[in-house]
């Protein structure tokens, strides 16, 4: 599983970086995105739905939210 650290980045940067990393991964690969931007709770699930990726889940770890995404 790859981990993308987007802490202290404001949207749309976490979405744009996740998109770029996911494009380089094989189908079925899993990416974990760590972000501190509250807007990512809206933007990353929306991005996954639009792009066809599976949002496996998200969890809060203090001020960081981790999203787990499976590439389509």
PDB file of N, CA and C in Angstrom:
ATOM      1  N   UNK A   1       0.840  -1.172   0.000  1.00  0.00           N
ATOM      2  CA  UNK A   1       0.000   0.000   0.000  1.00  0.00           C
ATOM      3  C   UNK A   1       0.886   1.236   0.000  1.00  0.00           C
ATOM      4  N   UNK A   2       0.567   2.151  -0.894  1.00  0.00           N
ATOM      5  CA  UNK A   2       1.291   3.416  -0.961  1.00  0.00           C
ATOM      6  C   UNK A   2       0.637   4.428  -0.026  1.00  0.00           C
ATOM      7  N   UNK A   3       1.447   5.328   0.521  1.00  0.00           N
ATOM      8  CA  UNK A   3       0.950   6.376   1.397  1.00  0.00           C
ATOM      9  C   UNK A   3       1.327   7.725   0.797  1.00  0.00           C
ATOM     10  N   UNK A   4       0.328   8.589   0.663  1.00  0.00           N
ATOM     11  CA  UNK A   4       0.530   9.929   0.132  1.00  0.00           C
ATOM     12  C   UNK A   4       0.307  10.924   1.266  1.00  0.00           C
ATOM     13  N   UNK A   5       1.340  11.659   1.615  1.00  0.00           N
ATOM     14  CA  UNK A   5       1.263  12.633   2.700  1.00  0.00           C
ATOM     15  C   UNK A   5       0.868  13.994   2.130  1.00  0.00           C
ATOM     16  N   UNK A   6      -0.367  14.401   2.395  1.00  0.00           N
ATOM     17  CA  UNK A   6      -0.863  15.712   1.961  1.00  0.00           C
ATOM     18  C   UNK A   6      -1.165  16.603   3.155  1.00  0.00           C
ATOM     19  N   UNK A   7      -0.516  16.319   4.278  1.00  0.00           N
ATOM     20  CA  UNK A   7      -0.735  17.134   5.464  1.00  0.00           C
ATOM     21  C   UNK A   7      -0.289  18.570   5.183  1.00  0.00           C
ATOM     22  N   UNK A   8      -1.047  19.517   5.704  1.00  0.00           N
ATOM     23  CA  UNK A   8      -0.792  20.948   5.573  1.00  0.00           C
ATOM     24  C   UNK A   8      -0.967  21.480   4.149  1.00  0.00           C
ATOM     25  N   UNK A   9      -1.597  20.703   3.279  1.00  0.00           N
ATOM     26  CA  UNK A   9      -1.925  21.175   1.932  1.00  0.00           C
ATOM     27  C   UNK A   9      -3.416  21.447   1.868  1.00  0.00           C
ATOM     28  N   UNK A  10      -3.798  22.528   1.213  1.00  0.00           N
ATOM     29  CA  UNK A  10      -5.207  22.873   1.068  1.00  0.00           C
ATOM     30  C   UNK A  10      -5.750  22.341  -0.246  1.00  0.00           C
ATOM     31  N   UNK A  11      -7.036  22.018  -0.239  1.00  0.00           N
ATOM     32  CA  UNK A  11      -7.688  21.557  -1.465  1.00  0.00           C
ATOM     33  C   UNK A  11      -7.632  22.676  -2.497  1.00  0.00           C
ATOM     34  N   UNK A  12      -7.420  22.325  -3.729  1.00  0.00           N
ATOM     35  CA  UNK A  12      -7.556  20.999  -4.326  1.00  0.00           C
ATOM     36  C   UNK A  12      -6.273  20.173  -4.369  1.00  0.00           C
ATOM     37  N   UNK A  13      -5.205  20.612  -3.731  1.00  0.00           N
ATOM     38  CA  UNK A  13      -3.925  19.891  -3.850  1.00  0.00           C
ATOM     39  C   UNK A  13      -3.999  18.429  -3.418  1.00  0.00           C
ATOM     40  N   UNK A  14      -4.643  18.050  -2.308  1.00  0.00           N
ATOM     41  CA  UNK A  14      -4.708  16.617  -1.974  1.00  0.00           C
ATOM     42  C   UNK A  14      -5.390  15.792  -3.072  1.00  0.00           C
ATOM     43  N   UNK A  15      -6.448  16.321  -3.667  1.00  0.00           N
ATOM     44  CA  UNK A  15      -7.137  15.606  -4.742  1.00  0.00           C
ATOM     45  C   UNK A  15      -6.244  15.497  -5.974  1.00  0.00           C
ATOM     46  N   UNK A  16      -5.603  16.591  -6.339  1.00  0.00           N
ATOM     47  CA  UNK A  16      -4.746  16.574  -7.530  1.00  0.00           C
ATOM     48  C   UNK A  16      -3.572  15.612  -7.357  1.00  0.00           C
ATOM     49  N   UNK A  17      -2.974  15.612  -6.180  1.00  0.00           N
ATOM     50  CA  UNK A  17      -1.844  14.696  -5.936  1.00  0.00           C
ATOM     51  C   UNK A  17      -2.306  13.249  -5.873  1.00  0.00           C
ATOM     52  N   UNK A  18      -3.461  13.006  -5.260  1.00  0.00           N
ATOM     53  CA  UNK A  18      -3.997  11.637  -5.219  1.00  0.00           C
ATOM     54  C   UNK A  18      -4.288  11.143  -6.638  1.00  0.00           C
ATOM     55  N   UNK A  19      -4.876  12.001  -7.451  1.00  0.00           N
ATOM     56  CA  UNK A  19      -5.172  11.637  -8.840  1.00  0.00           C
ATOM     57  C   UNK A  19      -3.901  11.249  -9.589  1.00  0.00           C
ATOM     58  N   UNK A  20      -2.862  12.033  -9.419  1.00  0.00           N
ATOM     59  CA  UNK A  20      -1.593  11.769 -10.111  1.00  0.00           C
ATOM     60  C   UNK A  20      -0.993  10.434  -9.663  1.00  0.00           C
ATOM     61  N   UNK A  21      -0.989  10.183  -8.353  1.00  0.00           N
ATOM     62  CA  UNK A  21      -0.424   8.922  -7.846  1.00  0.00           C
ATOM     63  C   UNK A  21      -1.266   7.740  -8.309  1.00  0.00           C
ATOM     64  N   UNK A  22      -2.591   7.862  -8.228  1.00  0.00           N
ATOM     65  CA  UNK A  22      -3.472   6.763  -8.632  1.00  0.00           C
ATOM     66  C   UNK A  22      -3.295   6.421 -10.106  1.00  0.00           C
ATOM     67  N   UNK A  23      -3.059   7.423 -10.943  1.00  0.00           N
ATOM     68  CA  UNK A  23      -2.861   7.166 -12.376  1.00  0.00           C
ATOM     69  C   UNK A  23      -1.630   6.295 -12.614  1.00  0.00           C
ATOM     70  N   UNK A  24      -0.653   6.369 -11.729  1.00  0.00           N
ATOM     71  CA  UNK A  24       0.568   5.588 -11.882  1.00  0.00           C
ATOM     72  C   UNK A  24       0.521   4.212 -11.237  1.00  0.00           C
ATOM     73  N   UNK A  25      -0.591   3.899 -10.562  1.00  0.00           N
ATOM     74  CA  UNK A  25      -0.721   2.611  -9.888  1.00  0.00           C
ATOM     75  C   UNK A  25      -1.519   1.644 -10.748  1.00  0.00           C
ATOM     76  N   UNK A  26      -1.275   0.344 -10.598  1.00  0.00           N
ATOM     77  CA  UNK A  26      -2.056  -0.632 -11.352  1.00  0.00           C
ATOM     78  C   UNK A  26      -3.484  -0.738 -10.797  1.00  0.00           C
ATOM     79  N   UNK A  27      -4.436  -1.171 -11.612  1.00  0.00           N
ATOM     80  CA  UNK A  27      -5.804  -1.353 -11.125  1.00  0.00           C
ATOM     81  C   UNK A  27      -5.832  -2.276  -9.904  1.00  0.00           C
ATOM     82  N   UNK A  28      -6.644  -1.898  -8.929  1.00  0.00           N
ATOM     83  CA  UNK A  28      -6.755  -2.686  -7.703  1.00  0.00           C
ATOM     84  C   UNK A  28      -5.782  -2.287  -6.611  1.00  0.00           C
ATOM     85  N   UNK A  29      -4.800  -1.452  -6.946  1.00  0.00           N
ATOM     86  CA  UNK A  29      -3.831  -1.005  -5.942  1.00  0.00           C
ATOM     87  C   UNK A  29      -4.526  -0.088  -4.942  1.00  0.00           C
ATOM     88  N   UNK A  30      -3.980  -0.057  -3.736  1.00  0.00           N
ATOM     89  CA  UNK A  30      -4.572   0.733  -2.657  1.00  0.00           C
ATOM     90  C   UNK A  30      -3.635   1.881  -2.291  1.00  0.00           C
ATOM     91  N   UNK A  31      -4.236   3.059  -2.130  1.00  0.00           N
ATOM     92  CA  UNK A  31      -3.496   4.259  -1.756  1.00  0.00           C
ATOM     93  C   UNK A  31      -4.104   4.816  -0.477  1.00  0.00           C
ATOM     94  N   UNK A  32      -3.264   5.170   0.466  1.00  0.00           N
ATOM     95  CA  UNK A  32      -3.707   5.851   1.684  1.00  0.00           C
ATOM     96  C   UNK A  32      -3.273   7.311   1.570  1.00  0.00           C
ATOM     97  N   UNK A  33      -4.231   8.214   1.729  1.00  0.00           N
ATOM     98  CA  UNK A  33      -3.975   9.655   1.643  1.00  0.00           C
ATOM     99  C   UNK A  33      -4.165  10.262   3.027  1.00  0.00           C
ATOM    100  N   UNK A  34      -3.149  10.948   3.518  1.00  0.00           N
ATOM    101  CA  UNK A  34      -3.207  11.617   4.829  1.00  0.00           C
ATOM    102  C   UNK A  34      -3.321  13.111   4.573  1.00  0.00           C
ATOM    103  N   UNK A  35      -4.358  13.732   5.163  1.00  0.00           N
ATOM    104  CA  UNK A  35      -4.580  15.160   4.949  1.00  0.00           C
ATOM    105  C   UNK A  35      -5.084  15.833   6.221  1.00  0.00           C
ATOM    106  N   UNK A  36      -4.810  17.122   6.324  1.00  0.00           N
ATOM    107  CA  UNK A  36      -5.284  17.898   7.464  1.00  0.00           C
ATOM    108  C   UNK A  36      -6.346  18.914   7.040  1.00  0.00           C
ATOM    109  N   UNK A  37      -6.626  19.043   5.759  1.00  0.00           N
ATOM    110  CA  UNK A  37      -7.605  20.006   5.271  1.00  0.00           C
ATOM    111  C   UNK A  37      -9.016  19.454   5.471  1.00  0.00           C
ATOM    112  N   UNK A  38      -9.856  20.135   6.242  1.00  0.00           N
ATOM    113  CA  UNK A  38     -11.226  19.648   6.463  1.00  0.00           C
ATOM    114  C   UNK A  38     -12.034  19.492   5.170  1.00  0.00           C
ATOM    115  N   UNK A  39     -11.738  20.279   4.153  1.00  0.00           N
ATOM    116  CA  UNK A  39     -12.464  20.176   2.881  1.00  0.00           C
ATOM    117  C   UNK A  39     -12.195  18.850   2.166  1.00  0.00           C
ATOM    118  N   UNK A  40     -11.097  18.196   2.515  1.00  0.00           N
ATOM    119  CA  UNK A  40     -10.789  16.912   1.889  1.00  0.00           C
ATOM    120  C   UNK A  40     -11.857  15.868   2.218  1.00  0.00           C
ATOM    121  N   UNK A  41     -12.552  16.036   3.344  1.00  0.00           N
ATOM    122  CA  UNK A  41     -13.624  15.094   3.708  1.00  0.00           C
ATOM    123  C   UNK A  41     -14.763  15.132   2.687  1.00  0.00           C
ATOM    124  N   UNK A  42     -14.881  16.234   1.990  1.00  0.00           N
ATOM    125  CA  UNK A  42     -15.884  16.357   0.934  1.00  0.00           C
ATOM    126  C   UNK A  42     -15.258  16.064  -0.427  1.00  0.00           C
ATOM    127  N   UNK A  43     -14.101  16.655  -0.676  1.00  0.00           N
ATOM    128  CA  UNK A  43     -13.490  16.602  -2.001  1.00  0.00           C
ATOM    129  C   UNK A  43     -12.973  15.221  -2.392  1.00  0.00           C
ATOM    130  N   UNK A  44     -12.312  14.516  -1.488  1.00  0.00           N
ATOM    131  CA  UNK A  44     -11.760  13.197  -1.857  1.00  0.00           C
ATOM    132  C   UNK A  44     -12.847  12.161  -2.138  1.00  0.00           C
ATOM    133  N   UNK A  45     -13.898  12.044  -1.314  1.00  0.00           N
ATOM    134  CA  UNK A  45     -14.979  11.111  -1.679  1.00  0.00           C
ATOM    135  C   UNK A  45     -15.654  11.476  -3.003  1.00  0.00           C
ATOM    136  N   UNK A  46     -15.826  12.779  -3.244  1.00  0.00           N
ATOM    137  CA  UNK A  46     -16.421  13.220  -4.510  1.00  0.00           C
ATOM    138  C   UNK A  46     -15.520  12.837  -5.687  1.00  0.00           C
ATOM    139  N   UNK A  47     -14.237  13.066  -5.548  1.00  0.00           N
ATOM    140  CA  UNK A  47     -13.279  12.688  -6.585  1.00  0.00           C
ATOM    141  C   UNK A  47     -13.358  11.188  -6.875  1.00  0.00           C
ATOM    142  N   UNK A  48     -13.387  10.366  -5.829  1.00  0.00           N
ATOM    143  CA  UNK A  48     -13.448   8.910  -6.017  1.00  0.00           C
ATOM    144  C   UNK A  48     -14.708   8.507  -6.773  1.00  0.00           C
ATOM    145  N   UNK A  49     -15.839   9.092  -6.400  1.00  0.00           N
ATOM    146  CA  UNK A  49     -17.099   8.773  -7.063  1.00  0.00           C
ATOM    147  C   UNK A  49     -17.059   9.168  -8.536  1.00  0.00           C
ATOM    148  N   UNK A  50     -16.509  10.333  -8.812  1.00  0.00           N
ATOM    149  CA  UNK A  50     -16.445  10.814 -10.196  1.00  0.00           C
ATOM    150  C   UNK A  50     -15.471   9.996 -11.048  1.00  0.00           C
ATOM    151  N   UNK A  51     -14.346   9.590 -10.455  1.00  0.00           N
ATOM    152  CA  UNK A  51     -13.300   8.884 -11.205  1.00  0.00           C
ATOM    153  C   UNK A  51     -13.520   7.373 -11.227  1.00  0.00           C
ATOM    154  N   UNK A  52     -14.443   6.873 -10.395  1.00  0.00           N
ATOM    155  CA  UNK A  52     -14.715   5.440 -10.367  1.00  0.00           C
ATOM    156  C   UNK A  52     -13.835   4.655  -9.416  1.00  0.00           C
ATOM    157  N   UNK A  53     -13.043   5.337  -8.602  1.00  0.00           N
ATOM    158  CA  UNK A  53     -12.218   4.645  -7.608  1.00  0.00           C
ATOM    159  C   UNK A  53     -13.080   4.288  -6.403  1.00  0.00           C
ATOM    160  N   UNK A  54     -12.672   3.252  -5.674  1.00  0.00           N
ATOM    161  CA  UNK A  54     -13.412   2.828  -4.491  1.00  0.00           C
ATOM    162  C   UNK A  54     -12.835   3.504  -3.250  1.00  0.00           C
ATOM    163  N   UNK A  55     -13.661   4.248  -2.548  1.00  0.00           N
ATOM    164  CA  UNK A  55     -13.250   4.800  -1.264  1.00  0.00           C
ATOM    165  C   UNK A  55     -13.513   3.715  -0.226  1.00  0.00           C
ATOM    166  N   UNK A  56     -12.466   3.030   0.180  1.00  0.00           N
ATOM    167  CA  UNK A  56     -12.600   1.924   1.126  1.00  0.00           C
ATOM    168  C   UNK A  56     -13.031   2.448   2.479  1.00  0.00           C
ATOM    169  N   UNK A  57     -12.490   3.587   2.874  1.00  0.00           N
ATOM    170  CA  UNK A  57     -12.871   4.154   4.153  1.00  0.00           C
ATOM    171  C   UNK A  57     -12.027   5.354   4.502  1.00  0.00           C
ATOM    172  N   UNK A  58     -12.395   5.970   5.625  1.00  0.00           N
ATOM    173  CA  UNK A  58     -11.623   7.090   6.153  1.00  0.00           C
ATOM    174  C   UNK A  58     -11.665   7.008   7.666  1.00  0.00           C
ATOM    175  N   UNK A  59     -10.637   7.579   8.269  1.00  0.00           N
ATOM    176  CA  UNK A  59     -10.599   7.602   9.732  1.00  0.00           C
ATOM    177  C   UNK A  59      -9.832   8.834  10.170  1.00  0.00           C
ATOM    178  N   UNK A  60     -10.250   9.352  11.320  1.00  0.00           N
ATOM    179  CA  UNK A  60      -9.579  10.507  11.907  1.00  0.00           C
ATOM    180  C   UNK A  60      -8.526  10.034  12.892  1.00  0.00           C
ATOM    181  N   UNK A  61      -7.367  10.652  12.806  1.00  0.00           N
ATOM    182  CA  UNK A  61      -6.253  10.348  13.706  1.00  0.00           C
ATOM    183  C   UNK A  61      -5.749  11.695  14.234  1.00  0.00           C
ATOM    184  N   UNK A  62      -6.425  12.212  15.248  1.00  0.00           N
ATOM    185  CA  UNK A  62      -6.084  13.547  15.731  1.00  0.00           C
ATOM    186  C   UNK A  62      -6.520  14.580  14.719  1.00  0.00           C
ATOM    187  N   UNK A  63      -5.612  15.409  14.280  1.00  0.00           N
ATOM    188  CA  UNK A  63      -5.949  16.435  13.286  1.00  0.00           C
ATOM    189  C   UNK A  63      -5.832  15.923  11.852  1.00  0.00           C
ATOM    190  N   UNK A  64      -5.372  14.691  11.686  1.00  0.00           N
ATOM    191  CA  UNK A  64      -5.176  14.095  10.359  1.00  0.00           C
ATOM    192  C   UNK A  64      -6.350  13.165  10.025  1.00  0.00           C
ATOM    193  N   UNK A  65      -6.831  13.270   8.801  1.00  0.00           N
ATOM    194  CA  UNK A  65      -7.804  12.310   8.284  1.00  0.00           C
ATOM    195  C   UNK A  65      -7.096  11.455   7.248  1.00  0.00           C
ATOM    196  N   UNK A  66      -7.248  10.141   7.378  1.00  0.00           N
ATOM    197  CA  UNK A  66      -6.661   9.192   6.422  1.00  0.00           C
ATOM    198  C   UNK A  66      -7.766   8.596   5.566  1.00  0.00           C
ATOM    199  N   UNK A  67      -7.570   8.646   4.265  1.00  0.00           N
ATOM    200  CA  UNK A  67      -8.497   8.059   3.308  1.00  0.00           C
ATOM    201  C   UNK A  67      -7.808   6.861   2.661  1.00  0.00           C
ATOM    202  N   UNK A  68      -8.522   5.769   2.544  1.00  0.00           N
ATOM    203  CA  UNK A  68      -7.998   4.592   1.874  1.00  0.00           C
ATOM    204  C   UNK A  68      -8.795   4.400   0.589  1.00  0.00           C
ATOM    205  N   UNK A  69      -8.065   4.396  -0.525  1.00  0.00           N
ATOM    206  CA  UNK A  69      -8.685   4.390  -1.860  1.00  0.00           C
ATOM    207  C   UNK A  69      -8.122   3.234  -2.674  1.00  0.00           C
ATOM    208  N   UNK A  70      -9.042   2.488  -3.343  1.00  0.00           N
ATOM    209  CA  UNK A  70      -8.611   1.423  -4.257  1.00  0.00           C
ATOM    210  C   UNK A  70      -8.785   1.935  -5.686  1.00  0.00           C
ATOM    211  N   UNK A  71      -7.713   1.824  -6.476  1.00  0.00           N
ATOM    212  CA  UNK A  71      -7.767   2.310  -7.861  1.00  0.00           C
ATOM    213  C   UNK A  71      -8.711   1.433  -8.669  1.00  0.00           C
ATOM    214  N   UNK A  72      -9.477   2.076  -9.545  1.00  0.00           N
ATOM    215  CA  UNK A  72     -10.431   1.337 -10.390  1.00  0.00           C
ATOM    216  C   UNK A  72      -9.728   0.449 -11.379  1.00  0.00           C
TER     217      UNK A  72
END
